[in-house]
């Protein structure tokens, strides 16, 4: 009678042991998706994680998307930042979050002693076009503002009315030297903030 009892106990131990080994073998994967990135590759996490085991969210430094900045990793309705901790109970995929880059247009009075420097509160994306603001009231030590100057490397393109314009329907001419007549130039935003600096004449 004792042999069957011993056999039953042995089988029970083997079953429990196999179940424990099966549970320990379950590992979940975390994958990263570049979500439209134009260069670089999304990171790869080589590790597997048991249920409840914390994982560290990886960096997005290796990927880029033209016209956008990296904003973290999306999971469900939430966004995780590199270095955040994540626990999983299943395989999960994190998708890169991209934020459209916006640029400022700044007007610099360049030491003006009279008048008010224009302010542009808008934010512009690459490819947006805006008109350079007028600033006829600016003066510096009795000198009137003549024009604005800007680093041509900070703009995608520019055009201006011909000097002898008479109103609507006039021709548009390109400007190459980085000098823009106040109120008569249209600028296309590139991938930098744009600063206009006032130039004066006696």
C-alpha atoms as a PDB file:
ATOM      1  CA  UNK A   1       0.000   0.000   0.000  1.00  0.00           C
ATOM      2  CA  UNK A   2       2.858   2.427   0.629  1.00  0.00           C
ATOM      3  CA  UNK A   3       4.358   2.230  -2.895  1.00  0.00           C
ATOM      4  CA  UNK A   4       1.374   3.868  -4.621  1.00  0.00           C
ATOM      5  CA  UNK A   5       1.442   6.653  -2.014  1.00  0.00           C
ATOM      6  CA  UNK A   6       5.147   7.316  -2.651  1.00  0.00           C
ATOM      7  CA  UNK A   7       4.555   7.295  -6.422  1.00  0.00           C
ATOM      8  CA  UNK A   8       1.682   9.755  -6.035  1.00  0.00           C
ATOM      9  CA  UNK A   9       3.820  12.115  -3.997  1.00  0.00           C
ATOM     10  CA  UNK A  10       6.664  11.882  -6.521  1.00  0.00           C
ATOM     11  CA  UNK A  11       4.335  12.691  -9.429  1.00  0.00           C
ATOM     12  CA  UNK A  12       2.896  15.670  -7.552  1.00  0.00           C
ATOM     13  CA  UNK A  13       6.351  17.060  -6.923  1.00  0.00           C
ATOM     14  CA  UNK A  14       7.262  16.658 -10.591  1.00  0.00           C
ATOM     15  CA  UNK A  15       4.092  18.427 -11.735  1.00  0.00           C
ATOM     16  CA  UNK A  16       4.648  21.397  -9.406  1.00  0.00           C
ATOM     17  CA  UNK A  17       8.285  21.590 -10.483  1.00  0.00           C
ATOM     18  CA  UNK A  18       7.347  21.651 -14.167  1.00  0.00           C
ATOM     19  CA  UNK A  19       4.724  24.342 -13.552  1.00  0.00           C
ATOM     20  CA  UNK A  20       7.255  26.533 -11.741  1.00  0.00           C
ATOM     21  CA  UNK A  21       9.778  26.123 -14.536  1.00  0.00           C
ATOM     22  CA  UNK A  22       7.106  27.022 -17.090  1.00  0.00           C
ATOM     23  CA  UNK A  23       6.174  30.180 -15.169  1.00  0.00           C
ATOM     24  CA  UNK A  24       9.795  31.226 -14.807  1.00  0.00           C
ATOM     25  CA  UNK A  25      10.354  30.773 -18.554  1.00  0.00           C
ATOM     26  CA  UNK A  26       7.723  33.388 -19.536  1.00  0.00           C
ATOM     27  CA  UNK A  27       9.500  36.572 -20.638  1.00  0.00           C
ATOM     28  CA  UNK A  28       7.861  39.579 -22.242  1.00  0.00           C
ATOM     29  CA  UNK A  29       9.465  41.746 -24.893  1.00  0.00           C
ATOM     30  CA  UNK A  30       9.530  45.540 -25.270  1.00  0.00           C
ATOM     31  CA  UNK A  31       9.938  46.724 -28.861  1.00  0.00           C
ATOM     32  CA  UNK A  32      10.445  50.270 -30.137  1.00  0.00           C
ATOM     33  CA  UNK A  33       8.948  51.706 -33.347  1.00  0.00           C
ATOM     34  CA  UNK A  34      10.372  54.827 -35.018  1.00  0.00           C
ATOM     35  CA  UNK A  35       6.874  55.855 -36.194  1.00  0.00           C
ATOM     36  CA  UNK A  36       7.925  57.557 -39.419  1.00  0.00           C
ATOM     37  CA  UNK A  37      11.495  58.475 -38.539  1.00  0.00           C
ATOM     38  CA  UNK A  38      13.554  59.634 -41.522  1.00  0.00           C
ATOM     39  CA  UNK A  39      16.989  58.729 -40.193  1.00  0.00           C
ATOM     40  CA  UNK A  40      18.560  56.480 -37.603  1.00  0.00           C
ATOM     41  CA  UNK A  41      17.051  53.341 -36.157  1.00  0.00           C
ATOM     42  CA  UNK A  42      14.757  52.782 -33.210  1.00  0.00           C
ATOM     43  CA  UNK A  43      16.541  51.227 -30.218  1.00  0.00           C
ATOM     44  CA  UNK A  44      16.416  47.494 -29.637  1.00  0.00           C
ATOM     45  CA  UNK A  45      15.959  46.067 -26.154  1.00  0.00           C
ATOM     46  CA  UNK A  46      17.580  42.617 -26.135  1.00  0.00           C
ATOM     47  CA  UNK A  47      16.197  41.688 -22.723  1.00  0.00           C
ATOM     48  CA  UNK A  48      13.045  39.860 -21.770  1.00  0.00           C
ATOM     49  CA  UNK A  49      11.074  40.774 -18.659  1.00  0.00           C
ATOM     50  CA  UNK A  50       9.064  38.681 -16.249  1.00  0.00           C
ATOM     51  CA  UNK A  51       5.633  39.897 -15.200  1.00  0.00           C
ATOM     52  CA  UNK A  52       6.035  42.766 -12.760  1.00  0.00           C
ATOM     53  CA  UNK A  53       9.754  43.148 -13.424  1.00  0.00           C
ATOM     54  CA  UNK A  54      10.631  46.832 -14.061  1.00  0.00           C
ATOM     55  CA  UNK A  55      12.314  47.899 -17.288  1.00  0.00           C
ATOM     56  CA  UNK A  56      13.998  51.199 -18.077  1.00  0.00           C
ATOM     57  CA  UNK A  57      12.627  53.037 -21.128  1.00  0.00           C
ATOM     58  CA  UNK A  58      15.371  53.501 -23.693  1.00  0.00           C
ATOM     59  CA  UNK A  59      16.619  56.711 -25.306  1.00  0.00           C
ATOM     60  CA  UNK A  60      15.427  58.055 -28.650  1.00  0.00           C
ATOM     61  CA  UNK A  61      18.722  59.785 -29.380  1.00  0.00           C
ATOM     62  CA  UNK A  62      19.450  57.586 -32.393  1.00  0.00           C
ATOM     63  CA  UNK A  63      16.409  58.544 -34.476  1.00  0.00           C
ATOM     64  CA  UNK A  64      15.261  61.733 -36.188  1.00  0.00           C
ATOM     65  CA  UNK A  65      12.364  62.933 -38.310  1.00  0.00           C
ATOM     66  CA  UNK A  66      12.671  65.920 -40.621  1.00  0.00           C
ATOM     67  CA  UNK A  67      10.838  68.945 -39.270  1.00  0.00           C
ATOM     68  CA  UNK A  68      10.099  67.318 -35.916  1.00  0.00           C
ATOM     69  CA  UNK A  69      11.695  66.838 -32.529  1.00  0.00           C
ATOM     70  CA  UNK A  70      11.523  63.651 -30.475  1.00  0.00           C
ATOM     71  CA  UNK A  71       8.920  63.823 -27.697  1.00  0.00           C
ATOM     72  CA  UNK A  72       9.131  60.432 -25.982  1.00  0.00           C
ATOM     73  CA  UNK A  73       7.508  57.031 -26.466  1.00  0.00           C
ATOM     74  CA  UNK A  74       3.765  56.432 -26.699  1.00  0.00           C
ATOM     75  CA  UNK A  75       2.138  53.440 -25.018  1.00  0.00           C
ATOM     76  CA  UNK A  76      -1.641  53.334 -24.998  1.00  0.00           C
ATOM     77  CA  UNK A  77      -2.858  56.807 -24.074  1.00  0.00           C
ATOM     78  CA  UNK A  78       0.327  57.693 -22.196  1.00  0.00           C
ATOM     79  CA  UNK A  79       3.770  58.991 -23.110  1.00  0.00           C
ATOM     80  CA  UNK A  80       6.966  57.770 -21.491  1.00  0.00           C
ATOM     81  CA  UNK A  81      10.253  59.621 -21.391  1.00  0.00           C
ATOM     82  CA  UNK A  82      13.663  57.948 -21.691  1.00  0.00           C
ATOM     83  CA  UNK A  83      14.677  56.707 -18.259  1.00  0.00           C
ATOM     84  CA  UNK A  84      11.116  56.137 -17.058  1.00  0.00           C
ATOM     85  CA  UNK A  85      10.320  52.768 -15.481  1.00  0.00           C
ATOM     86  CA  UNK A  86       7.852  50.391 -17.084  1.00  0.00           C
ATOM     87  CA  UNK A  87       6.434  47.087 -15.863  1.00  0.00           C
ATOM     88  CA  UNK A  88       4.805  44.678 -18.311  1.00  0.00           C
ATOM     89  CA  UNK A  89       2.419  41.753 -18.211  1.00  0.00           C
ATOM     90  CA  UNK A  90       2.546  41.132 -21.952  1.00  0.00           C
ATOM     91  CA  UNK A  91       4.634  42.033 -24.978  1.00  0.00           C
ATOM     92  CA  UNK A  92       4.412  45.768 -25.646  1.00  0.00           C
ATOM     93  CA  UNK A  93       5.406  48.171 -28.428  1.00  0.00           C
ATOM     94  CA  UNK A  94       6.469  51.752 -27.784  1.00  0.00           C
ATOM     95  CA  UNK A  95       6.023  54.230 -30.651  1.00  0.00           C
ATOM     96  CA  UNK A  96       8.095  57.373 -31.046  1.00  0.00           C
ATOM     97  CA  UNK A  97       6.215  60.624 -30.449  1.00  0.00           C
ATOM     98  CA  UNK A  98       7.105  63.440 -32.871  1.00  0.00           C
ATOM     99  CA  UNK A  99       6.482  67.131 -32.155  1.00  0.00           C
ATOM    100  CA  UNK A 100       6.465  69.538 -35.077  1.00  0.00           C
ATOM    101  CA  UNK A 101       9.310  72.028 -34.728  1.00  0.00           C
ATOM    102  CA  UNK A 102       8.247  75.651 -34.388  1.00  0.00           C
ATOM    103  CA  UNK A 103      10.442  78.704 -34.804  1.00  0.00           C
ATOM    104  CA  UNK A 104      10.287  82.292 -33.568  1.00  0.00           C
ATOM    105  CA  UNK A 105      10.683  85.549 -35.465  1.00  0.00           C
ATOM    106  CA  UNK A 106      12.522  88.149 -33.374  1.00  0.00           C
ATOM    107  CA  UNK A 107      12.953  91.860 -34.047  1.00  0.00           C
ATOM    108  CA  UNK A 108      16.031  93.528 -32.550  1.00  0.00           C
ATOM    109  CA  UNK A 109      15.965  97.319 -32.214  1.00  0.00           C
ATOM    110  CA  UNK A 110      19.769  97.367 -32.254  1.00  0.00           C
ATOM    111  CA  UNK A 111      20.061 100.095 -29.625  1.00  0.00           C
ATOM    112  CA  UNK A 112      17.041 102.149 -30.643  1.00  0.00           C
ATOM    113  CA  UNK A 113      16.450 105.212 -28.499  1.00  0.00           C
ATOM    114  CA  UNK A 114      12.941 105.930 -29.795  1.00  0.00           C
ATOM    115  CA  UNK A 115      10.010 103.949 -31.067  1.00  0.00           C
ATOM    116  CA  UNK A 116       8.737 100.469 -30.309  1.00  0.00           C
ATOM    117  CA  UNK A 117      10.343  97.305 -31.611  1.00  0.00           C
ATOM    118  CA  UNK A 118       7.798  95.055 -33.359  1.00  0.00           C
ATOM    119  CA  UNK A 119       6.834  91.802 -31.647  1.00  0.00           C
ATOM    120  CA  UNK A 120       5.724  88.669 -33.465  1.00  0.00           C
ATOM    121  CA  UNK A 121       4.031  86.245 -31.062  1.00  0.00           C
ATOM    122  CA  UNK A 122       3.465  83.585 -33.704  1.00  0.00           C
ATOM    123  CA  UNK A 123       5.354  80.324 -33.973  1.00  0.00           C
ATOM    124  CA  UNK A 124       6.185  79.126 -37.468  1.00  0.00           C
ATOM    125  CA  UNK A 125       6.861  75.695 -38.935  1.00  0.00           C
ATOM    126  CA  UNK A 126       9.384  75.053 -41.690  1.00  0.00           C
ATOM    127  CA  UNK A 127       7.894  76.255 -44.976  1.00  0.00           C
ATOM    128  CA  UNK A 128       5.565  78.830 -43.428  1.00  0.00           C
ATOM    129  CA  UNK A 129       5.690  82.308 -44.967  1.00  0.00           C
ATOM    130  CA  UNK A 130       5.305  85.642 -43.195  1.00  0.00           C
ATOM    131  CA  UNK A 131       5.631  89.332 -44.035  1.00  0.00           C
ATOM    132  CA  UNK A 132       8.368  91.375 -42.370  1.00  0.00           C
ATOM    133  CA  UNK A 133       6.783  93.930 -40.059  1.00  0.00           C
ATOM    134  CA  UNK A 134       7.007  97.665 -40.543  1.00  0.00           C
ATOM    135  CA  UNK A 135       8.856  99.742 -37.951  1.00  0.00           C
ATOM    136  CA  UNK A 136       8.976 103.290 -39.205  1.00  0.00           C
ATOM    137  CA  UNK A 137       8.916 104.732 -35.689  1.00  0.00           C
ATOM    138  CA  UNK A 138      12.288 103.302 -34.703  1.00  0.00           C
ATOM    139  CA  UNK A 139      15.109 105.812 -34.305  1.00  0.00           C
ATOM    140  CA  UNK A 140      18.570 105.692 -32.782  1.00  0.00           C
ATOM    141  CA  UNK A 141      20.188 108.958 -31.657  1.00  0.00           C
ATOM    142  CA  UNK A 142      18.205 110.885 -34.236  1.00  0.00           C
ATOM    143  CA  UNK A 143      18.768 108.400 -37.051  1.00  0.00           C
ATOM    144  CA  UNK A 144      15.786 106.728 -38.730  1.00  0.00           C
ATOM    145  CA  UNK A 145      15.544 103.019 -39.357  1.00  0.00           C
ATOM    146  CA  UNK A 146      16.573 102.156 -42.892  1.00  0.00           C
ATOM    147  CA  UNK A 147      15.931  98.451 -43.072  1.00  0.00           C
ATOM    148  CA  UNK A 148      16.282  95.117 -41.295  1.00  0.00           C
ATOM    149  CA  UNK A 149      19.175  92.776 -41.777  1.00  0.00           C
ATOM    150  CA  UNK A 150      19.125  89.031 -41.128  1.00  0.00           C
ATOM    151  CA  UNK A 151      21.434  86.050 -41.405  1.00  0.00           C
ATOM    152  CA  UNK A 152      20.509  84.570 -44.780  1.00  0.00           C
ATOM    153  CA  UNK A 153      21.399  81.110 -43.474  1.00  0.00           C
ATOM    154  CA  UNK A 154      18.431  81.323 -41.092  1.00  0.00           C
ATOM    155  CA  UNK A 155      15.784  81.685 -43.806  1.00  0.00           C
ATOM    156  CA  UNK A 156      14.698  79.215 -46.479  1.00  0.00           C
ATOM    157  CA  UNK A 157      13.939  81.904 -49.058  1.00  0.00           C
ATOM    158  CA  UNK A 158      12.942  85.547 -49.365  1.00  0.00           C
ATOM    159  CA  UNK A 159      11.390  87.923 -51.846  1.00  0.00           C
ATOM    160  CA  UNK A 160      10.677  91.632 -51.802  1.00  0.00           C
ATOM    161  CA  UNK A 161       8.747  94.232 -53.742  1.00  0.00           C
ATOM    162  CA  UNK A 162      10.745  96.166 -56.293  1.00  0.00           C
ATOM    163  CA  UNK A 163      11.948  99.523 -54.885  1.00  0.00           C
ATOM    164  CA  UNK A 164       9.643 101.457 -57.197  1.00  0.00           C
ATOM    165  CA  UNK A 165       6.467  99.554 -56.353  1.00  0.00           C
ATOM    166  CA  UNK A 166       3.256 101.515 -56.722  1.00  0.00           C
ATOM    167  CA  UNK A 167       0.690  99.217 -55.151  1.00  0.00           C
ATOM    168  CA  UNK A 168      -0.968  95.872 -55.719  1.00  0.00           C
ATOM    169  CA  UNK A 169       0.044  93.683 -58.609  1.00  0.00           C
ATOM    170  CA  UNK A 170       3.677  94.753 -58.623  1.00  0.00           C
ATOM    171  CA  UNK A 171       6.479  92.364 -59.481  1.00  0.00           C
ATOM    172  CA  UNK A 172       8.354  90.418 -56.839  1.00  0.00           C
ATOM    173  CA  UNK A 173      12.141  90.276 -56.851  1.00  0.00           C
ATOM    174  CA  UNK A 174      14.486  88.046 -54.835  1.00  0.00           C
ATOM    175  CA  UNK A 175      16.871  89.469 -52.254  1.00  0.00           C
ATOM    176  CA  UNK A 176      20.264  87.854 -51.793  1.00  0.00           C
ATOM    177  CA  UNK A 177      22.290  90.076 -49.485  1.00  0.00           C
ATOM    178  CA  UNK A 178      20.357  89.570 -46.276  1.00  0.00           C
ATOM    179  CA  UNK A 179      18.905  93.099 -46.239  1.00  0.00           C
ATOM    180  CA  UNK A 180      15.102  93.388 -46.262  1.00  0.00           C
ATOM    181  CA  UNK A 181      13.097  96.587 -46.695  1.00  0.00           C
ATOM    182  CA  UNK A 182      10.728  96.857 -43.742  1.00  0.00           C
ATOM    183  CA  UNK A 183       7.184  95.901 -44.659  1.00  0.00           C
ATOM    184  CA  UNK A 184       7.993  94.817 -48.210  1.00  0.00           C
ATOM    185  CA  UNK A 185       9.628  91.404 -47.753  1.00  0.00           C
ATOM    186  CA  UNK A 186       8.100  87.956 -47.514  1.00  0.00           C
ATOM    187  CA  UNK A 187      10.161  85.296 -45.764  1.00  0.00           C
ATOM    188  CA  UNK A 188       9.860  81.520 -45.882  1.00  0.00           C
ATOM    189  CA  UNK A 189      10.884  79.882 -42.623  1.00  0.00           C
ATOM    190  CA  UNK A 190      13.733  77.387 -42.648  1.00  0.00           C
ATOM    191  CA  UNK A 191      14.919  75.390 -39.653  1.00  0.00           C
ATOM    192  CA  UNK A 192      16.054  78.152 -37.321  1.00  0.00           C
ATOM    193  CA  UNK A 193      14.685  81.050 -35.331  1.00  0.00           C
ATOM    194  CA  UNK A 194      14.926  84.249 -37.383  1.00  0.00           C
ATOM    195  CA  UNK A 195      16.224  87.513 -35.935  1.00  0.00           C
ATOM    196  CA  UNK A 196      15.878  90.832 -37.754  1.00  0.00           C
ATOM    197  CA  UNK A 197      18.296  93.562 -36.647  1.00  0.00           C
ATOM    198  CA  UNK A 198      17.508  97.206 -37.333  1.00  0.00           C
ATOM    199  CA  UNK A 199      19.874  99.278 -39.508  1.00  0.00           C
ATOM    200  CA  UNK A 200      19.794 103.095 -39.265  1.00  0.00           C
ATOM    201  CA  UNK A 201      20.803 106.004 -41.471  1.00  0.00           C
ATOM    202  CA  UNK A 202      21.312 109.704 -40.688  1.00  0.00           C
END
